[in-house]
Structure formats: C-alpha cells, structure tokens
PDB file of N, CA and C in Angstrom:
ATOM      1  N   MET A   1     -38.985 -20.230  -0.696  1.00  0.00           N
ATOM      2  CA  MET A   1     -37.980 -19.687   0.184  1.00  0.00           C
ATOM      3  C   MET A   1     -38.204 -18.200   0.464  1.00  0.00           C
ATOM      4  N   SER A   2     -38.584 -17.426  -0.539  1.00  0.00           N
ATOM      5  CA  SER A   2     -38.721 -15.994  -0.352  1.00  0.00           C
ATOM      6  C   SER A   2     -39.927 -15.621   0.506  1.00  0.00           C
ATOM      7  N   GLU A   3     -40.846 -16.564   0.738  1.00  0.00           N
ATOM      8  CA  GLU A   3     -41.998 -16.274   1.587  1.00  0.00           C
ATOM      9  C   GLU A   3     -41.665 -16.483   3.059  1.00  0.00           C
ATOM     10  N   GLU A   4     -40.580 -17.226   3.331  1.00  0.00           N
ATOM     11  CA  GLU A   4     -40.176 -17.446   4.712  1.00  0.00           C
ATOM     12  C   GLU A   4     -39.590 -16.167   5.294  1.00  0.00           C
ATOM     13  N   LYS A   5     -39.737 -16.025   6.596  1.00  0.00           N
ATOM     14  CA  LYS A   5     -39.196 -14.855   7.264  1.00  0.00           C
ATOM     15  C   LYS A   5     -37.689 -15.013   7.441  1.00  0.00           C
ATOM     16  N   LEU A   6     -36.966 -13.930   7.182  1.00  0.00           N
ATOM     17  CA  LEU A   6     -35.518 -13.943   7.378  1.00  0.00           C
ATOM     18  C   LEU A   6     -35.184 -13.949   8.865  1.00  0.00           C
ATOM     19  N   PRO A   7     -34.144 -14.677   9.257  1.00  0.00           N
ATOM     20  CA  PRO A   7     -33.685 -14.534  10.638  1.00  0.00           C
ATOM     21  C   PRO A   7     -33.070 -13.136  10.788  1.00  0.00           C
ATOM     22  N   THR A   8     -33.048 -12.627  11.972  1.00  0.00           N
ATOM     23  CA  THR A   8     -32.441 -11.310  12.165  1.00  0.00           C
ATOM     24  C   THR A   8     -30.929 -11.444  12.128  1.00  0.00           C
ATOM     25  N   ARG A   9     -30.272 -10.335  11.842  1.00  0.00           N
ATOM     26  CA  ARG A   9     -28.803 -10.342  11.825  1.00  0.00           C
ATOM     27  C   ARG A   9     -28.251 -10.701  13.192  1.00  0.00           C
ATOM     28  N   ALA A  10     -28.914 -10.264  14.238  1.00  0.00           N
ATOM     29  CA  ALA A  10     -28.434 -10.537  15.590  1.00  0.00           C
ATOM     30  C   ALA A  10     -28.591 -12.013  15.956  1.00  0.00           C
ATOM     31  N   GLU A  11     -29.649 -12.653  15.453  1.00  0.00           N
ATOM     32  CA  GLU A  11     -29.884 -14.070  15.771  1.00  0.00           C
ATOM     33  C   GLU A  11     -28.845 -14.978  15.132  1.00  0.00           C
ATOM     34  N   ASN A  12     -28.688 -14.844  13.818  1.00  0.00           N
ATOM     35  CA  ASN A  12     -27.805 -15.747  13.081  1.00  0.00           C
ATOM     36  C   ASN A  12     -27.312 -15.012  11.840  1.00  0.00           C
ATOM     37  N   PHE A  13     -26.204 -14.303  11.978  1.00  0.00           N
ATOM     38  CA  PHE A  13     -25.702 -13.473  10.885  1.00  0.00           C
ATOM     39  C   PHE A  13     -25.390 -14.297   9.643  1.00  0.00           C
ATOM     40  N   SER A  14     -24.758 -15.442   9.804  1.00  0.00           N
ATOM     41  CA  SER A  14     -24.367 -16.270   8.673  1.00  0.00           C
ATOM     42  C   SER A  14     -25.575 -16.709   7.855  1.00  0.00           C
ATOM     43  N   GLU A  15     -26.601 -17.196   8.518  1.00  0.00           N
ATOM     44  CA  GLU A  15     -27.813 -17.637   7.811  1.00  0.00           C
ATOM     45  C   GLU A  15     -28.527 -16.451   7.170  1.00  0.00           C
ATOM     46  N   TRP A  16     -28.587 -15.329   7.870  1.00  0.00           N
ATOM     47  CA  TRP A  16     -29.205 -14.119   7.332  1.00  0.00           C
ATOM     48  C   TRP A  16     -28.495 -13.694   6.052  1.00  0.00           C
ATOM     49  N   TYR A  17     -27.168 -13.642   6.080  1.00  0.00           N
ATOM     50  CA  TYR A  17     -26.383 -13.220   4.924  1.00  0.00           C
ATOM     51  C   TYR A  17     -26.607 -14.170   3.742  1.00  0.00           C
ATOM     52  N   ASN A  18     -26.529 -15.480   3.969  1.00  0.00           N
ATOM     53  CA  ASN A  18     -26.728 -16.440   2.891  1.00  0.00           C
ATOM     54  C   ASN A  18     -28.104 -16.303   2.258  1.00  0.00           C
ATOM     55  N   GLN A  19     -29.126 -16.105   3.064  1.00  0.00           N
ATOM     56  CA  GLN A  19     -30.476 -15.964   2.519  1.00  0.00           C
ATOM     57  C   GLN A  19     -30.634 -14.669   1.736  1.00  0.00           C
ATOM     58  N   VAL A  20     -30.044 -13.579   2.212  1.00  0.00           N
ATOM     59  CA  VAL A  20     -30.125 -12.307   1.489  1.00  0.00           C
ATOM     60  C   VAL A  20     -29.458 -12.437   0.122  1.00  0.00           C
ATOM     61  N   VAL A  21     -28.282 -13.056   0.081  1.00  0.00           N
ATOM     62  CA  VAL A  21     -27.562 -13.237  -1.184  1.00  0.00           C
ATOM     63  C   VAL A  21     -28.371 -14.108  -2.150  1.00  0.00           C
ATOM     64  N   GLN A  22     -28.971 -15.173  -1.649  1.00  0.00           N
ATOM     65  CA  GLN A  22     -29.748 -16.041  -2.532  1.00  0.00           C
ATOM     66  C   GLN A  22     -31.056 -15.405  -2.974  1.00  0.00           C
ATOM     67  N   ARG A  23     -31.745 -14.727  -2.093  1.00  0.00           N
ATOM     68  CA  ARG A  23     -33.009 -14.083  -2.476  1.00  0.00           C
ATOM     69  C   ARG A  23     -32.784 -12.953  -3.472  1.00  0.00           C
ATOM     70  N   ALA A  24     -31.648 -12.278  -3.359  1.00  0.00           N
ATOM     71  CA  ALA A  24     -31.321 -11.212  -4.305  1.00  0.00           C
ATOM     72  C   ALA A  24     -30.755 -11.780  -5.603  1.00  0.00           C
ATOM     73  N   GLU A  25     -30.588 -13.101  -5.653  1.00  0.00           N
ATOM     74  CA  GLU A  25     -30.045 -13.807  -6.807  1.00  0.00           C
ATOM     75  C   GLU A  25     -28.672 -13.277  -7.200  1.00  0.00           C
ATOM     76  N   LEU A  26     -27.834 -13.038  -6.192  1.00  0.00           N
ATOM     77  CA  LEU A  26     -26.459 -12.601  -6.430  1.00  0.00           C
ATOM     78  C   LEU A  26     -25.523 -13.789  -6.589  1.00  0.00           C
ATOM     79  N   ALA A  27     -25.879 -14.932  -5.998  1.00  0.00           N
ATOM     80  CA  ALA A  27     -25.040 -16.131  -6.081  1.00  0.00           C
ATOM     81  C   ALA A  27     -25.895 -17.367  -5.851  1.00  0.00           C
ATOM     82  N   ASP A  28     -25.373 -18.504  -6.298  1.00  0.00           N
ATOM     83  CA  ASP A  28     -26.011 -19.806  -6.089  1.00  0.00           C
ATOM     84  C   ASP A  28     -24.980 -20.754  -5.511  1.00  0.00           C
ATOM     85  N   TYR A  29     -25.460 -21.813  -4.882  1.00  0.00           N
ATOM     86  CA  TYR A  29     -24.544 -22.828  -4.388  1.00  0.00           C
ATOM     87  C   TYR A  29     -23.952 -23.584  -5.565  1.00  0.00           C
ATOM     88  N   ALA A  30     -22.670 -23.899  -5.474  1.00  0.00           N
ATOM     89  CA  ALA A  30     -21.965 -24.660  -6.508  1.00  0.00           C
ATOM     90  C   ALA A  30     -22.063 -26.147  -6.193  1.00  0.00           C
ATOM     91  N   PRO A  31     -21.773 -27.005  -7.178  1.00  0.00           N
ATOM     92  CA  PRO A  31     -21.786 -28.441  -6.902  1.00  0.00           C
ATOM     93  C   PRO A  31     -20.673 -28.867  -5.948  1.00  0.00           C
ATOM     94  N   VAL A  32     -19.676 -28.013  -5.773  1.00  0.00           N
ATOM     95  CA  VAL A  32     -18.576 -28.302  -4.852  1.00  0.00           C
ATOM     96  C   VAL A  32     -18.966 -27.806  -3.465  1.00  0.00           C
ATOM     97  N   ARG A  33     -18.836 -28.661  -2.480  1.00  0.00           N
ATOM     98  CA  ARG A  33     -19.250 -28.326  -1.123  1.00  0.00           C
ATOM     99  C   ARG A  33     -18.512 -27.085  -0.605  1.00  0.00           C
ATOM    100  N   GLY A  34     -19.280 -26.148  -0.059  1.00  0.00           N
ATOM    101  CA  GLY A  34     -18.712 -24.950   0.527  1.00  0.00           C
ATOM    102  C   GLY A  34     -18.423 -23.831  -0.450  1.00  0.00           C
ATOM    103  N   CYS A  35     -18.794 -23.989  -1.707  1.00  0.00           N
ATOM    104  CA  CYS A  35     -18.519 -22.966  -2.722  1.00  0.00           C
ATOM    105  C   CYS A  35     -19.811 -22.385  -3.267  1.00  0.00           C
ATOM    106  N   MET A  36     -19.724 -21.144  -3.715  1.00  0.00           N
ATOM    107  CA  MET A  36     -20.858 -20.487  -4.351  1.00  0.00           C
ATOM    108  C   MET A  36     -20.410 -19.937  -5.694  1.00  0.00           C
ATOM    109  N   VAL A  37     -21.344 -19.885  -6.637  1.00  0.00           N
ATOM    110  CA  VAL A  37     -21.095 -19.324  -7.954  1.00  0.00           C
ATOM    111  C   VAL A  37     -21.738 -17.944  -7.985  1.00  0.00           C
ATOM    112  N   VAL A  38     -20.955 -16.938  -8.334  1.00  0.00           N
ATOM    113  CA  VAL A  38     -21.462 -15.564  -8.377  1.00  0.00           C
ATOM    114  C   VAL A  38     -22.207 -15.367  -9.688  1.00  0.00           C
ATOM    115  N   ARG A  39     -23.420 -14.850  -9.591  1.00  0.00           N
ATOM    116  CA  ARG A  39     -24.237 -14.573 -10.771  1.00  0.00           C
ATOM    117  C   ARG A  39     -23.865 -13.212 -11.362  1.00  0.00           C
ATOM    118  N   PRO A  40     -24.361 -12.900 -12.572  1.00  0.00           N
ATOM    119  CA  PRO A  40     -23.966 -11.643 -13.228  1.00  0.00           C
ATOM    120  C   PRO A  40     -24.209 -10.381 -12.392  1.00  0.00           C
ATOM    121  N   TYR A  41     -25.369 -10.256 -11.747  1.00  0.00           N
ATOM    122  CA  TYR A  41     -25.608  -9.058 -10.935  1.00  0.00           C
ATOM    123  C   TYR A  41     -24.681  -9.019  -9.721  1.00  0.00           C
ATOM    124  N   GLY A  42     -24.410 -10.174  -9.159  1.00  0.00           N
ATOM    125  CA  GLY A  42     -23.479 -10.235  -8.042  1.00  0.00           C
ATOM    126  C   GLY A  42     -22.079  -9.840  -8.462  1.00  0.00           C
ATOM    127  N   TRP A  43     -21.677 -10.293  -9.657  1.00  0.00           N
ATOM    128  CA  TRP A  43     -20.348  -9.946 -10.156  1.00  0.00           C
ATOM    129  C   TRP A  43     -20.253  -8.453 -10.459  1.00  0.00           C
ATOM    130  N   SER A  44     -21.304  -7.889 -11.036  1.00  0.00           N
ATOM    131  CA  SER A  44     -21.334  -6.455 -11.313  1.00  0.00           C
ATOM    132  C   SER A  44     -21.229  -5.653 -10.017  1.00  0.00           C
ATOM    133  N   LEU A  45     -21.954  -6.090  -9.005  1.00  0.00           N
ATOM    134  CA  LEU A  45     -21.889  -5.431  -7.702  1.00  0.00           C
ATOM    135  C   LEU A  45     -20.472  -5.508  -7.143  1.00  0.00           C
ATOM    136  N   TRP A  46     -19.842  -6.692  -7.233  1.00  0.00           N
ATOM    137  CA  TRP A  46     -18.474  -6.862  -6.750  1.00  0.00           C
ATOM    138  C   TRP A  46     -17.510  -5.928  -7.487  1.00  0.00           C
ATOM    139  N   GLU A  47     -17.657  -5.807  -8.815  1.00  0.00           N
ATOM    140  CA  GLU A  47     -16.773  -4.924  -9.578  1.00  0.00           C
ATOM    141  C   GLU A  47     -16.944  -3.470  -9.169  1.00  0.00           C
ATOM    142  N   ASN A  48     -18.179  -3.049  -8.891  1.00  0.00           N
ATOM    143  CA  ASN A  48     -18.414  -1.673  -8.443  1.00  0.00           C
ATOM    144  C   ASN A  48     -17.808  -1.422  -7.066  1.00  0.00           C
ATOM    145  N   ILE A  49     -17.943  -2.383  -6.168  1.00  0.00           N
ATOM    146  CA  ILE A  49     -17.338  -2.249  -4.836  1.00  0.00           C
ATOM    147  C   ILE A  49     -15.820  -2.175  -4.968  1.00  0.00           C
ATOM    148  N   GLN A  50     -15.265  -3.056  -5.798  1.00  0.00           N
ATOM    149  CA  GLN A  50     -13.816  -3.094  -5.998  1.00  0.00           C
ATOM    150  C   GLN A  50     -13.309  -1.769  -6.581  1.00  0.00           C
ATOM    151  N   ALA A  51     -14.018  -1.206  -7.548  1.00  0.00           N
ATOM    152  CA  ALA A  51     -13.613   0.068  -8.153  1.00  0.00           C
ATOM    153  C   ALA A  51     -13.661   1.199  -7.127  1.00  0.00           C
ATOM    154  N   ALA A  52     -14.708   1.217  -6.303  1.00  0.00           N
ATOM    155  CA  ALA A  52     -14.808   2.254  -5.274  1.00  0.00           C
ATOM    156  C   ALA A  52     -13.673   2.127  -4.256  1.00  0.00           C
ATOM    157  N   LEU A  53     -13.367   0.891  -3.862  1.00  0.00           N
ATOM    158  CA  LEU A  53     -12.267   0.692  -2.920  1.00  0.00           C
ATOM    159  C   LEU A  53     -10.927   1.053  -3.546  1.00  0.00           C
ATOM    160  N   ASP A  54     -10.733   0.714  -4.815  1.00  0.00           N
ATOM    161  CA  ASP A  54      -9.487   1.068  -5.495  1.00  0.00           C
ATOM    162  C   ASP A  54      -9.283   2.586  -5.526  1.00  0.00           C
ATOM    163  N   ARG A  55     -10.361   3.332  -5.781  1.00  0.00           N
ATOM    164  CA  ARG A  55     -10.252   4.805  -5.760  1.00  0.00           C
ATOM    165  C   ARG A  55      -9.834   5.293  -4.381  1.00  0.00           C
ATOM    166  N   ARG A  56     -10.424   4.715  -3.334  1.00  0.00           N
ATOM    167  CA  ARG A  56     -10.055   5.118  -1.971  1.00  0.00           C
ATOM    168  C   ARG A  56      -8.624   4.733  -1.641  1.00  0.00           C
ATOM    169  N   PHE A  57      -8.208   3.545  -2.077  1.00  0.00           N
ATOM    170  CA  PHE A  57      -6.834   3.115  -1.814  1.00  0.00           C
ATOM    171  C   PHE A  57      -5.835   4.036  -2.499  1.00  0.00           C
ATOM    172  N   LYS A  58      -6.119   4.432  -3.736  1.00  0.00           N
ATOM    173  CA  LYS A  58      -5.220   5.332  -4.451  1.00  0.00           C
ATOM    174  C   LYS A  58      -5.135   6.678  -3.752  1.00  0.00           C
ATOM    175  N   TYR A  59      -6.243   7.123  -3.208  1.00  0.00           N
ATOM    176  CA  TYR A  59      -6.266   8.397  -2.494  1.00  0.00           C
ATOM    177  C   TYR A  59      -5.402   8.325  -1.232  1.00  0.00           C
ATOM    178  N   THR A  60      -5.397   7.177  -0.573  1.00  0.00           N
ATOM    179  CA  THR A  60      -4.621   7.024   0.664  1.00  0.00           C
ATOM    180  C   THR A  60      -3.257   6.376   0.420  1.00  0.00           C
ATOM    181  N   THR A  61      -2.899   6.146  -0.835  1.00  0.00           N
ATOM    182  CA  THR A  61      -1.632   5.528  -1.255  1.00  0.00           C
ATOM    183  C   THR A  61      -1.420   4.130  -0.672  1.00  0.00           C
ATOM    184  N   VAL A  62      -2.500   3.401  -0.446  1.00  0.00           N
ATOM    185  CA  VAL A  62      -2.418   2.008   0.004  1.00  0.00           C
ATOM    186  C   VAL A  62      -2.541   1.132  -1.231  1.00  0.00           C
ATOM    187  N   MET A  63      -1.713   0.101  -1.323  1.00  0.00           N
ATOM    188  CA  MET A  63      -1.777  -0.806  -2.475  1.00  0.00           C
ATOM    189  C   MET A  63      -2.852  -1.860  -2.229  1.00  0.00           C
ATOM    190  N   SER A  64      -3.697  -2.099  -3.233  1.00  0.00           N
ATOM    191  CA  SER A  64      -4.719  -3.127  -3.096  1.00  0.00           C
ATOM    192  C   SER A  64      -4.094  -4.480  -3.385  1.00  0.00           C
ATOM    193  N   MET A  65      -4.620  -5.504  -2.753  1.00  0.00           N
ATOM    194  CA  MET A  65      -4.119  -6.865  -2.926  1.00  0.00           C
ATOM    195  C   MET A  65      -5.112  -7.656  -3.771  1.00  0.00           C
ATOM    196  N   PRO A  66      -4.618  -8.619  -4.564  1.00  0.00           N
ATOM    197  CA  PRO A  66      -5.549  -9.446  -5.339  1.00  0.00           C
ATOM    198  C   PRO A  66      -6.392 -10.318  -4.413  1.00  0.00           C
ATOM    199  N   LEU A  67      -7.584 -10.672  -4.873  1.00  0.00           N
ATOM    200  CA  LEU A  67      -8.491 -11.488  -4.078  1.00  0.00           C
ATOM    201  C   LEU A  67      -7.923 -12.889  -3.870  1.00  0.00           C
ATOM    202  N   PHE A  68      -7.386 -13.465  -4.923  1.00  0.00           N
ATOM    203  CA  PHE A  68      -6.800 -14.802  -4.843  1.00  0.00           C
ATOM    204  C   PHE A  68      -5.358 -14.737  -5.319  1.00  0.00           C
ATOM    205  N   ARG A  69      -4.537 -15.536  -4.719  1.00  0.00           N
ATOM    206  CA  ARG A  69      -3.150 -15.649  -5.177  1.00  0.00           C
ATOM    207  C   ARG A  69      -2.946 -17.082  -5.628  1.00  0.00           C
ATOM    208  N   PHE A  70      -2.509 -17.232  -6.860  1.00  0.00           N
ATOM    209  CA  PHE A  70      -2.275 -18.554  -7.394  1.00  0.00           C
ATOM    210  C   PHE A  70      -0.774 -18.815  -7.415  1.00  0.00           C
ATOM    211  N   SER A  71      -0.391 -19.971  -6.995  1.00  0.00           N
ATOM    212  CA  SER A  71       1.019 -20.336  -7.101  1.00  0.00           C
ATOM    213  C   SER A  71       1.127 -21.547  -8.006  1.00  0.00           C
ATOM    214  N   PHE A  72       2.192 -21.608  -8.718  1.00  0.00           N
ATOM    215  CA  PHE A  72       2.408 -22.704  -9.648  1.00  0.00           C
ATOM    216  C   PHE A  72       3.803 -23.245  -9.407  1.00  0.00           C
ATOM    217  N   ARG A  73       3.896 -24.515  -9.186  1.00  0.00           N
ATOM    218  CA  ARG A  73       5.167 -25.153  -8.968  1.00  0.00           C
ATOM    219  C   ARG A  73       5.515 -26.006 -10.176  1.00  0.00           C
ATOM    220  N   CYS A  74       6.622 -25.706 -10.795  1.00  0.00           N
ATOM    221  CA  CYS A  74       7.049 -26.473 -11.978  1.00  0.00           C
ATOM    222  C   CYS A  74       7.571 -27.832 -11.517  1.00  0.00           C
ATOM    223  N   PRO A  75       7.100 -28.923 -12.106  1.00  0.00           N
ATOM    224  CA  PRO A  75       7.558 -30.252 -11.664  1.00  0.00           C
ATOM    225  C   PRO A  75       8.985 -30.578 -12.120  1.00  0.00           C
ATOM    226  N   PHE A  76       9.613 -29.712 -12.918  1.00  0.00           N
ATOM    227  CA  PHE A  76      10.955 -30.001 -13.422  1.00  0.00           C
ATOM    228  C   PHE A  76      12.026 -29.342 -12.593  1.00  0.00           C
TER     229      PHE A  76
END
C-alpha cells in the first residue's frame, strides 16, 4: 500500500485522508463497519491537539464540549 501513489487532496479528499492516516499508522479499520481504532501514536496526537485547543478555549473563555455524549436511560 505505501508504494502506491496517494491521490491528491483535490481529487478525492476522503481517500487521501484515509490513506495518510493508515500509512502513518495512526489508526486501523475496526471489525465494525465504518469504525476505526486509534493506535497509540494517533491517540497521543489527539491528546496534544485537544490540549492545545483547550488552552485556546480558556484564553477566549469558550467552554469545550466532550467528543461523545453518552446517555443512559434507567429501565425502572
């Protein structure tokens, strides 16, 4: 895969992005369709991006939102 030429961002951004992420070994496809598993370097990169954004948000007094929101409904 890494010997193949990457499509340009202008041609097919989605395919370009997926190939860059996989070649950099930041994530792999999960057994669940449409999902990816973030690898350790990818997770470290995400944490650094999140920390940098949090610093900027605090500077501008904007509250950051969680990435996922889980809801739980009690059956009782």
